[in-house]
Amino acid sequence: MARSLFRWLGVVGLTAALWAAFGCGDDKSTSSITPPAAHDSTYTADHLSANDFALVPDSTFTLAQSSFRIFYGHTSHGSQIMTGLNLLHDENPTLQLPTFHEVSDDLGGTGDTSWAPITRAWLDAHPEYNMAMWSWCGGVSGNTVEGINIYLNALAGLEADYPNVTFVYMTGHLDGTGVDGNLYARNNQIRAFCAANGKLLFDFADIESYDPAGVYYPDETDACGWCSDWCSTRDCDECSCAHSHCYNCYRKGRAFWWMLARLSDWDGE
C-alpha cells in the first residue's frame, strides 16, 4: 500500500555497526553542539524508503538524474551505496546514475574533521555541485558523545557556509553489539540531532536492521545474515558488496534513489 514516508527523524532504537575499519582514524577531541540554522531537507532514507523505491515514478527518476551533482567521500563500507546504484542500473538501464565525484576517504574516528577541508576545496572549485555526503568506515562503534558532536558541528558548519548545497548525514554500520552497545547510542545521537535540527539523514544502520517484511534484527552485523536467509527463497542478484551481502547493497541503492526522489519534490505517494 502506498503511503507517505515524509517524516521527521526520531530517536529510533535499532542499530549497531561492524568495525571493519580500513584506514579509519581515531583522533580524539571534545566539543559541544552549536545549533545550526533550520534546513528544509527533513527526510530520512531508511529501510522503509528501500521498500517504497518501487513507488517512485519514472519521471521523478529522470528529474533526479539531471538535478544532482554529488560529491561523495567514502571507503569500502560507503561503496555499498554505489554498488547498489549500479545494480539498479543493471536491472533497469533507464536508471542512469546522477553525476558523482567520489573521494577515497571517510569520516574517520573520534574527533576527525580532516574530511571538512577536502569538501570545502571541492565545492569552492566546483560550484555546480549541489550535494555532498561522507560515510563512516567503522568510526561510530568506538566513538564518544563528544566525538559525534564534533562530526555534527563540522557538517552543520559546512551547511551554513554552502547554503545551496544539500548535505547528507549518516549513521554508522552495524557491528553486532545490539541495543546495549555504544554504536546503538551514538547512532541514536545522530538521529536525534537530525530530528531536532531538520537534517537530511541516510540511515545506513536502519537499512541493515530490517528485512523488507519489517522484521527487526537488532543484533546483526553489516554482514547482513538476514539477507542470506531472505535470498535463500527469492531471486536476488549476486555481486561483490564490500563487507556484506549483495542484497544489502541493493537495498541501500533503493533507499538512495528514494531520497533523491523526495528531494525532487515527489510526495511519496
C-alpha atoms as a PDB file:
ATOM      1  CA  MET A   1       0.000   0.000   0.000  1.00  0.00           C
ATOM      2  CA  ALA A   2       1.350   3.434  -0.953  1.00  0.00           C
ATOM      3  CA  ARG A   3       1.993   5.669   1.962  1.00  0.00           C
ATOM      4  CA  SER A   4       3.812   8.888   2.624  1.00  0.00           C
ATOM      5  CA  LEU A   5       7.287   8.384   4.009  1.00  0.00           C
ATOM      6  CA  PHE A   6       7.965  12.050   4.675  1.00  0.00           C
ATOM      7  CA  ARG A   7       8.691  12.001   8.342  1.00  0.00           C
ATOM      8  CA  TRP A   8      10.918  13.564  10.949  1.00  0.00           C
ATOM      9  CA  LEU A   9      13.820  11.561  12.213  1.00  0.00           C
ATOM     10  CA  GLY A  10      13.074  10.106  15.627  1.00  0.00           C
ATOM     11  CA  VAL A  11      15.287   8.501  18.166  1.00  0.00           C
ATOM     12  CA  VAL A  12      14.560   5.102  16.756  1.00  0.00           C
ATOM     13  CA  GLY A  13      16.036   2.166  18.553  1.00  0.00           C
ATOM     14  CA  LEU A  14      17.777  -0.033  16.110  1.00  0.00           C
ATOM     15  CA  THR A  15      21.411  -0.292  15.228  1.00  0.00           C
ATOM     16  CA  ALA A  16      24.865  -1.487  15.857  1.00  0.00           C
ATOM     17  CA  ALA A  17      27.944  -1.263  13.422  1.00  0.00           C
ATOM     18  CA  LEU A  18      30.688  -3.683  12.186  1.00  0.00           C
ATOM     19  CA  TRP A  19      34.187  -2.428  12.998  1.00  0.00           C
ATOM     20  CA  ALA A  20      35.925  -3.370   9.807  1.00  0.00           C
ATOM     21  CA  ALA A  21      37.994  -0.244   9.615  1.00  0.00           C
ATOM     22  CA  PHE A  22      40.162   0.030   6.551  1.00  0.00           C
ATOM     23  CA  GLY A  23      42.143   3.222   7.074  1.00  0.00           C
ATOM     24  CA  CYS A  24      39.851   4.665   9.786  1.00  0.00           C
ATOM     25  CA  GLY A  25      41.350   7.314  12.056  1.00  0.00           C
ATOM     26  CA  ASP A  26      40.913   7.642  15.819  1.00  0.00           C
ATOM     27  CA  ASP A  27      41.871  11.192  16.791  1.00  0.00           C
ATOM     28  CA  LYS A  28      40.139  12.298  19.982  1.00  0.00           C
ATOM     29  CA  SER A  29      38.785  15.731  20.836  1.00  0.00           C
ATOM     30  CA  THR A  30      35.775  17.301  22.506  1.00  0.00           C
ATOM     31  CA  SER A  31      33.124  19.833  21.546  1.00  0.00           C
ATOM     32  CA  SER A  32      29.566  20.876  22.236  1.00  0.00           C
ATOM     33  CA  ILE A  33      26.903  21.160  19.555  1.00  0.00           C
ATOM     34  CA  THR A  34      26.196  24.614  18.193  1.00  0.00           C
ATOM     35  CA  PRO A  35      22.580  24.555  16.939  1.00  0.00           C
ATOM     36  CA  PRO A  36      22.614  25.175  13.179  1.00  0.00           C
ATOM     37  CA  ALA A  37      20.047  27.039  11.158  1.00  0.00           C
ATOM     38  CA  ALA A  38      16.970  25.047  10.127  1.00  0.00           C
ATOM     39  CA  HIS A  39      17.295  23.136   6.872  1.00  0.00           C
ATOM     40  CA  ASP A  40      14.385  22.141   4.674  1.00  0.00           C
ATOM     41  CA  SER A  41      15.660  18.671   3.668  1.00  0.00           C
ATOM     42  CA  THR A  42      13.981  16.888   6.566  1.00  0.00           C
ATOM     43  CA  TYR A  43      13.927  13.387   5.128  1.00  0.00           C
ATOM     44  CA  THR A  44      15.177  10.083   6.444  1.00  0.00           C
ATOM     45  CA  ALA A  45      16.269   7.444   3.946  1.00  0.00           C
ATOM     46  CA  ASP A  46      15.840   4.130   5.766  1.00  0.00           C
ATOM     47  CA  HIS A  47      14.521   0.574   5.360  1.00  0.00           C
ATOM     48  CA  LEU A  48      11.010   1.853   4.595  1.00  0.00           C
ATOM     49  CA  SER A  49      12.483   4.035   1.873  1.00  0.00           C
ATOM     50  CA  ALA A  50      14.114   0.984   0.319  1.00  0.00           C
ATOM     51  CA  ASN A  51      10.685  -0.678   0.279  1.00  0.00           C
ATOM     52  CA  ASP A  52       8.995   2.346  -1.302  1.00  0.00           C
ATOM     53  CA  PHE A  53      11.536   2.785  -4.069  1.00  0.00           C
ATOM     54  CA  ALA A  54       9.010   0.892  -6.209  1.00  0.00           C
ATOM     55  CA  LEU A  55       6.520   3.753  -5.832  1.00  0.00           C
ATOM     56  CA  VAL A  56       8.787   6.361  -7.432  1.00  0.00           C
ATOM     57  CA  PRO A  57       7.514   7.355 -10.909  1.00  0.00           C
ATOM     58  CA  ASP A  58       9.887   7.216 -13.873  1.00  0.00           C
ATOM     59  CA  SER A  59       9.509  10.957 -14.426  1.00  0.00           C
ATOM     60  CA  THR A  60      10.932  11.620 -10.965  1.00  0.00           C
ATOM     61  CA  PHE A  61      13.952   9.425 -11.627  1.00  0.00           C
ATOM     62  CA  THR A  62      14.600  11.409 -14.797  1.00  0.00           C
ATOM     63  CA  LEU A  63      14.379  14.683 -12.911  1.00  0.00           C
ATOM     64  CA  ALA A  64      16.710  13.469 -10.157  1.00  0.00           C
ATOM     65  CA  GLN A  65      19.277  12.238 -12.673  1.00  0.00           C
ATOM     66  CA  SER A  66      19.598  15.688 -14.167  1.00  0.00           C
ATOM     67  CA  SER A  67      19.234  17.671 -10.946  1.00  0.00           C
ATOM     68  CA  PHE A  68      22.002  16.357  -8.700  1.00  0.00           C
ATOM     69  CA  ARG A  69      25.777  16.602  -8.877  1.00  0.00           C
ATOM     70  CA  ILE A  70      27.076  14.726  -5.873  1.00  0.00           C
ATOM     71  CA  PHE A  71      30.387  14.868  -4.010  1.00  0.00           C
ATOM     72  CA  TYR A  72      30.807  11.608  -2.066  1.00  0.00           C
ATOM     73  CA  GLY A  73      33.651  10.688   0.294  1.00  0.00           C
ATOM     74  CA  HIS A  74      33.759   7.003   1.187  1.00  0.00           C
ATOM     75  CA  THR A  75      35.895   3.927   1.605  1.00  0.00           C
ATOM     76  CA  SER A  76      34.760   0.299   1.454  1.00  0.00           C
ATOM     77  CA  HIS A  77      31.591   0.456   3.556  1.00  0.00           C
ATOM     78  CA  GLY A  78      30.360   3.569   1.810  1.00  0.00           C
ATOM     79  CA  SER A  79      30.870   1.875  -1.538  1.00  0.00           C
ATOM     80  CA  GLN A  80      27.818  -0.245  -0.724  1.00  0.00           C
ATOM     81  CA  ILE A  81      25.596   2.625  -1.881  1.00  0.00           C
ATOM     82  CA  MET A  82      27.424   2.870  -5.206  1.00  0.00           C
ATOM     83  CA  THR A  83      27.253  -0.896  -5.711  1.00  0.00           C
ATOM     84  CA  GLY A  84      23.512  -0.759  -5.093  1.00  0.00           C
ATOM     85  CA  LEU A  85      23.012   2.089  -7.557  1.00  0.00           C
ATOM     86  CA  ASN A  86      24.910   0.161 -10.199  1.00  0.00           C
ATOM     87  CA  LEU A  87      22.851  -2.969  -9.529  1.00  0.00           C
ATOM     88  CA  LEU A  88      19.683  -0.975 -10.076  1.00  0.00           C
ATOM     89  CA  HIS A  89      21.067   0.420 -13.316  1.00  0.00           C
ATOM     90  CA  ASP A  90      21.878  -3.109 -14.491  1.00  0.00           C
ATOM     91  CA  GLU A  91      18.322  -4.110 -13.602  1.00  0.00           C
ATOM     92  CA  ASN A  92      16.796  -1.057 -15.302  1.00  0.00           C
ATOM     93  CA  PRO A  93      19.122   0.760 -17.767  1.00  0.00           C
ATOM     94  CA  THR A  94      16.949   3.886 -17.614  1.00  0.00           C
ATOM     95  CA  LEU A  95      18.206   4.418 -14.037  1.00  0.00           C
ATOM     96  CA  GLN A  96      21.344   6.252 -15.067  1.00  0.00           C
ATOM     97  CA  LEU A  97      23.311   7.427 -12.059  1.00  0.00           C
ATOM     98  CA  PRO A  98      23.448  11.155 -11.364  1.00  0.00           C
ATOM     99  CA  THR A  99      26.846  12.807 -11.642  1.00  0.00           C
ATOM    100  CA  PHE A 100      29.148  11.676  -8.800  1.00  0.00           C
ATOM    101  CA  HIS A 101      32.613  12.743  -7.749  1.00  0.00           C
ATOM    102  CA  GLU A 102      33.951  10.065  -5.397  1.00  0.00           C
ATOM    103  CA  VAL A 103      36.816  10.605  -2.949  1.00  0.00           C
ATOM    104  CA  SER A 104      38.571   7.617  -1.369  1.00  0.00           C
ATOM    105  CA  ASP A 105      38.338   8.690   2.277  1.00  0.00           C
ATOM    106  CA  ASP A 106      35.791   8.529   5.111  1.00  0.00           C
ATOM    107  CA  LEU A 107      34.664  10.229   8.322  1.00  0.00           C
ATOM    108  CA  GLY A 108      37.450   8.660  10.346  1.00  0.00           C
ATOM    109  CA  GLY A 109      37.283   8.197  14.096  1.00  0.00           C
ATOM    110  CA  THR A 110      36.662  10.281  17.192  1.00  0.00           C
ATOM    111  CA  GLY A 111      37.243  13.975  16.561  1.00  0.00           C
ATOM    112  CA  ASP A 112      38.436  13.602  12.972  1.00  0.00           C
ATOM    113  CA  THR A 113      37.417  16.551  10.782  1.00  0.00           C
ATOM    114  CA  SER A 114      40.015  16.119   8.033  1.00  0.00           C
ATOM    115  CA  TRP A 115      37.164  15.488   5.590  1.00  0.00           C
ATOM    116  CA  ALA A 116      35.735  19.000   6.033  1.00  0.00           C
ATOM    117  CA  PRO A 117      38.510  20.975   4.244  1.00  0.00           C
ATOM    118  CA  ILE A 118      38.506  18.375   1.454  1.00  0.00           C
ATOM    119  CA  THR A 119      34.804  19.078   0.968  1.00  0.00           C
ATOM    120  CA  ARG A 120      35.322  22.831   1.018  1.00  0.00           C
ATOM    121  CA  ALA A 121      38.090  22.663  -1.562  1.00  0.00           C
ATOM    122  CA  TRP A 122      35.929  20.667  -3.970  1.00  0.00           C
ATOM    123  CA  LEU A 123      32.831  22.816  -3.554  1.00  0.00           C
ATOM    124  CA  ASP A 124      34.847  26.023  -3.933  1.00  0.00           C
ATOM    125  CA  ALA A 125      36.338  24.752  -7.188  1.00  0.00           C
ATOM    126  CA  HIS A 126      33.106  23.156  -8.466  1.00  0.00           C
ATOM    127  CA  PRO A 127      30.133  25.388  -7.627  1.00  0.00           C
ATOM    128  CA  GLU A 128      27.915  23.303  -9.900  1.00  0.00           C
ATOM    129  CA  TYR A 129      27.892  20.504  -7.281  1.00  0.00           C
ATOM    130  CA  ASN A 130      24.772  20.693  -5.141  1.00  0.00           C
ATOM    131  CA  MET A 131      25.013  17.659  -2.824  1.00  0.00           C
ATOM    132  CA  ALA A 132      27.779  16.449  -0.530  1.00  0.00           C
ATOM    133  CA  MET A 133      27.987  13.426   1.736  1.00  0.00           C
ATOM    134  CA  TRP A 134      30.517  11.329   3.626  1.00  0.00           C
ATOM    135  CA  SER A 135      30.133   7.810   5.012  1.00  0.00           C
ATOM    136  CA  TRP A 136      31.666   6.230   8.076  1.00  0.00           C
ATOM    137  CA  CYS A 137      34.053   3.297   7.977  1.00  0.00           C
ATOM    138  CA  GLY A 138      33.852   1.831  11.485  1.00  0.00           C
ATOM    139  CA  GLY A 139      34.193   5.183  13.182  1.00  0.00           C
ATOM    140  CA  VAL A 140      30.904   5.228  15.079  1.00  0.00           C
ATOM    141  CA  SER A 141      31.460   1.990  17.009  1.00  0.00           C
ATOM    142  CA  GLY A 142      34.195   3.364  19.263  1.00  0.00           C
ATOM    143  CA  ASN A 143      33.119   6.984  19.153  1.00  0.00           C
ATOM    144  CA  THR A 144      32.084   9.214  22.058  1.00  0.00           C
ATOM    145  CA  VAL A 145      29.328  11.749  22.676  1.00  0.00           C
ATOM    146  CA  GLU A 146      31.897  14.493  22.191  1.00  0.00           C
ATOM    147  CA  GLY A 147      33.311  12.914  19.039  1.00  0.00           C
ATOM    148  CA  ILE A 148      29.888  12.633  17.412  1.00  0.00           C
ATOM    149  CA  ASN A 149      29.209  16.257  18.385  1.00  0.00           C
ATOM    150  CA  ILE A 150      32.388  17.258  16.556  1.00  0.00           C
ATOM    151  CA  TYR A 151      31.143  15.465  13.427  1.00  0.00           C
ATOM    152  CA  LEU A 152      27.705  17.077  13.692  1.00  0.00           C
ATOM    153  CA  ASN A 153      29.125  20.548  14.278  1.00  0.00           C
ATOM    154  CA  ALA A 154      31.550  20.253  11.361  1.00  0.00           C
ATOM    155  CA  LEU A 155      28.833  19.163   8.949  1.00  0.00           C
ATOM    156  CA  ALA A 156      26.439  21.844  10.190  1.00  0.00           C
ATOM    157  CA  GLY A 157      29.214  24.380   9.636  1.00  0.00           C
ATOM    158  CA  LEU A 158      29.547  23.289   6.024  1.00  0.00           C
ATOM    159  CA  GLU A 159      25.787  23.679   5.585  1.00  0.00           C
ATOM    160  CA  ALA A 160      25.930  27.225   6.909  1.00  0.00           C
ATOM    161  CA  ASP A 161      28.780  28.142   4.551  1.00  0.00           C
ATOM    162  CA  TYR A 162      27.312  26.462   1.454  1.00  0.00           C
ATOM    163  CA  PRO A 163      23.561  27.158   1.598  1.00  0.00           C
ATOM    164  CA  ASN A 164      22.998  25.979  -1.978  1.00  0.00           C
ATOM    165  CA  VAL A 165      24.406  22.519  -1.275  1.00  0.00           C
ATOM    166  CA  THR A 166      22.374  19.679   0.270  1.00  0.00           C
ATOM    167  CA  PHE A 167      24.447  17.845   2.894  1.00  0.00           C
ATOM    168  CA  VAL A 168      23.648  14.259   3.863  1.00  0.00           C
ATOM    169  CA  TYR A 169      24.206  12.996   7.414  1.00  0.00           C
ATOM    170  CA  MET A 170      24.821   9.273   8.009  1.00  0.00           C
ATOM    171  CA  THR A 171      24.676   6.692  10.769  1.00  0.00           C
ATOM    172  CA  GLY A 172      27.358   4.038  11.171  1.00  0.00           C
ATOM    173  CA  HIS A 173      27.021   0.444  10.001  1.00  0.00           C
ATOM    174  CA  LEU A 174      26.019  -2.407  12.324  1.00  0.00           C
ATOM    175  CA  ASP A 175      28.662  -4.147  14.452  1.00  0.00           C
ATOM    176  CA  GLY A 176      26.697  -6.814  16.339  1.00  0.00           C
ATOM    177  CA  THR A 177      26.715  -5.052  19.724  1.00  0.00           C
ATOM    178  CA  GLY A 178      22.942  -4.652  19.773  1.00  0.00           C
ATOM    179  CA  VAL A 179      20.777  -2.249  21.717  1.00  0.00           C
ATOM    180  CA  ASP A 180      23.161  -2.129  24.683  1.00  0.00           C
ATOM    181  CA  GLY A 181      26.175  -1.251  22.570  1.00  0.00           C
ATOM    182  CA  ASN A 182      27.898   2.092  22.106  1.00  0.00           C
ATOM    183  CA  LEU A 183      27.083   2.126  18.388  1.00  0.00           C
ATOM    184  CA  TYR A 184      23.347   1.992  19.109  1.00  0.00           C
ATOM    185  CA  ALA A 185      23.625   5.029  21.399  1.00  0.00           C
ATOM    186  CA  ARG A 186      25.848   7.031  19.039  1.00  0.00           C
ATOM    187  CA  ASN A 187      23.614   6.337  16.042  1.00  0.00           C
ATOM    188  CA  ASN A 188      20.636   7.495  18.076  1.00  0.00           C
ATOM    189  CA  GLN A 189      22.607  10.625  18.937  1.00  0.00           C
ATOM    190  CA  ILE A 190      22.970  11.345  15.212  1.00  0.00           C
ATOM    191  CA  ARG A 191      19.271  10.632  14.610  1.00  0.00           C
ATOM    192  CA  ALA A 192      18.180  12.879  17.474  1.00  0.00           C
ATOM    193  CA  PHE A 193      20.307  15.754  16.191  1.00  0.00           C
ATOM    194  CA  CYS A 194      18.880  15.389  12.694  1.00  0.00           C
ATOM    195  CA  ALA A 195      15.330  15.296  14.062  1.00  0.00           C
ATOM    196  CA  ALA A 196      15.836  18.370  16.226  1.00  0.00           C
ATOM    197  CA  ASN A 197      17.524  20.408  13.506  1.00  0.00           C
ATOM    198  CA  GLY A 198      15.741  19.340  10.323  1.00  0.00           C
ATOM    199  CA  LYS A 199      18.616  17.468   8.701  1.00  0.00           C
ATOM    200  CA  LEU A 200      18.726  15.005   5.826  1.00  0.00           C
ATOM    201  CA  LEU A 201      19.798  11.564   7.066  1.00  0.00           C
ATOM    202  CA  PHE A 202      20.803   8.436   5.175  1.00  0.00           C
ATOM    203  CA  ASP A 203      20.247   5.889   7.930  1.00  0.00           C
ATOM    204  CA  PHE A 204      22.819   3.278   6.966  1.00  0.00           C
ATOM    205  CA  ALA A 205      22.248   1.205  10.104  1.00  0.00           C
ATOM    206  CA  ASP A 206      18.457   1.188   9.867  1.00  0.00           C
ATOM    207  CA  ILE A 207      18.584  -0.298   6.360  1.00  0.00           C
ATOM    208  CA  GLU A 208      20.719  -3.146   7.705  1.00  0.00           C
ATOM    209  CA  SER A 209      18.449  -3.688  10.704  1.00  0.00           C
ATOM    210  CA  TYR A 210      15.185  -4.654   8.964  1.00  0.00           C
ATOM    211  CA  ASP A 211      14.241  -7.077   6.221  1.00  0.00           C
ATOM    212  CA  PRO A 212      11.631  -5.972   3.643  1.00  0.00           C
ATOM    213  CA  ALA A 213       8.857  -7.577   5.715  1.00  0.00           C
ATOM    214  CA  GLY A 214       9.734  -5.310   8.641  1.00  0.00           C
ATOM    215  CA  VAL A 215      11.355  -7.949  10.858  1.00  0.00           C
ATOM    216  CA  TYR A 216      13.896  -6.250  13.131  1.00  0.00           C
ATOM    217  CA  TYR A 217      17.398  -7.671  13.667  1.00  0.00           C
ATOM    218  CA  PRO A 218      18.949  -5.559  16.458  1.00  0.00           C
ATOM    219  CA  ASP A 219      21.959  -7.855  16.939  1.00  0.00           C
ATOM    220  CA  GLU A 220      23.020  -8.063  13.300  1.00  0.00           C
ATOM    221  CA  THR A 221      26.346  -7.008  11.849  1.00  0.00           C
ATOM    222  CA  ASP A 222      26.620  -5.356   8.474  1.00  0.00           C
ATOM    223  CA  ALA A 223      27.439  -8.774   7.019  1.00  0.00           C
ATOM    224  CA  CYS A 224      23.628  -8.971   6.948  1.00  0.00           C
ATOM    225  CA  GLY A 225      22.839 -12.528   7.957  1.00  0.00           C
ATOM    226  CA  TRP A 226      19.155 -11.941   7.380  1.00  0.00           C
ATOM    227  CA  CYS A 227      19.967 -11.073   3.746  1.00  0.00           C
ATOM    228  CA  SER A 228      21.208 -14.622   3.155  1.00  0.00           C
ATOM    229  CA  ASP A 229      18.062 -16.057   4.724  1.00  0.00           C
ATOM    230  CA  TRP A 230      15.835 -13.710   2.703  1.00  0.00           C
ATOM    231  CA  CYS A 231      17.522 -14.516  -0.591  1.00  0.00           C
ATOM    232  CA  SER A 232      17.570 -18.274   0.044  1.00  0.00           C
ATOM    233  CA  THR A 233      13.908 -18.385  -1.039  1.00  0.00           C
ATOM    234  CA  ARG A 234      13.932 -15.483  -3.519  1.00  0.00           C
ATOM    235  CA  ASP A 235      15.634 -14.428  -6.716  1.00  0.00           C
ATOM    236  CA  CYS A 236      18.309 -11.951  -5.582  1.00  0.00           C
ATOM    237  CA  ASP A 237      21.162 -10.546  -7.622  1.00  0.00           C
ATOM    238  CA  GLU A 238      24.733 -11.587  -6.982  1.00  0.00           C
ATOM    239  CA  CYS A 239      27.539  -9.073  -6.747  1.00  0.00           C
ATOM    240  CA  SER A 240      30.600  -8.097  -4.771  1.00  0.00           C
ATOM    241  CA  CYS A 241      29.260  -5.962  -1.897  1.00  0.00           C
ATOM    242  CA  ALA A 242      32.043  -4.756   0.411  1.00  0.00           C
ATOM    243  CA  HIS A 243      31.853  -6.490   3.833  1.00  0.00           C
ATOM    244  CA  SER A 244      28.305  -7.623   3.186  1.00  0.00           C
ATOM    245  CA  HIS A 245      25.690  -9.499   1.182  1.00  0.00           C
ATOM    246  CA  CYS A 246      24.728  -8.186  -2.248  1.00  0.00           C
ATOM    247  CA  TYR A 247      21.145  -7.651  -1.127  1.00  0.00           C
ATOM    248  CA  ASN A 248      22.298  -5.144   1.492  1.00  0.00           C
ATOM    249  CA  CYS A 249      23.931  -3.071  -1.260  1.00  0.00           C
ATOM    250  CA  TYR A 250      20.794  -3.401  -3.376  1.00  0.00           C
ATOM    251  CA  ARG A 251      18.593  -2.093  -0.561  1.00  0.00           C
ATOM    252  CA  LYS A 252      20.884   0.871   0.030  1.00  0.00           C
ATOM    253  CA  GLY A 253      20.750   1.774  -3.642  1.00  0.00           C
ATOM    254  CA  ARG A 254      16.957   1.748  -3.499  1.00  0.00           C
ATOM    255  CA  ALA A 255      16.922   3.956  -0.396  1.00  0.00           C
ATOM    256  CA  PHE A 256      19.313   6.410  -2.034  1.00  0.00           C
ATOM    257  CA  TRP A 257      17.104   6.782  -5.115  1.00  0.00           C
ATOM    258  CA  TRP A 258      14.107   7.294  -2.809  1.00  0.00           C
ATOM    259  CA  MET A 259      15.994  10.098  -1.075  1.00  0.00           C
ATOM    260  CA  LEU A 260      16.768  11.828  -4.385  1.00  0.00           C
ATOM    261  CA  ALA A 261      13.146  11.429  -5.423  1.00  0.00           C
ATOM    262  CA  ARG A 262      11.874  13.132  -2.251  1.00  0.00           C
ATOM    263  CA  LEU A 263      14.372  15.945  -2.734  1.00  0.00           C
ATOM    264  CA  SER A 264      12.973  16.281  -6.266  1.00  0.00           C
ATOM    265  CA  ASP A 265       9.564  17.107  -4.721  1.00  0.00           C
ATOM    266  CA  TRP A 266       7.971  13.678  -5.176  1.00  0.00           C
ATOM    267  CA  ASP A 267       5.367  13.437  -2.416  1.00  0.00           C
ATOM    268  CA  GLY A 268       5.946   9.773  -1.565  1.00  0.00           C
ATOM    269  CA  GLU A 269       2.551   8.550  -2.815  1.00  0.00           C
END
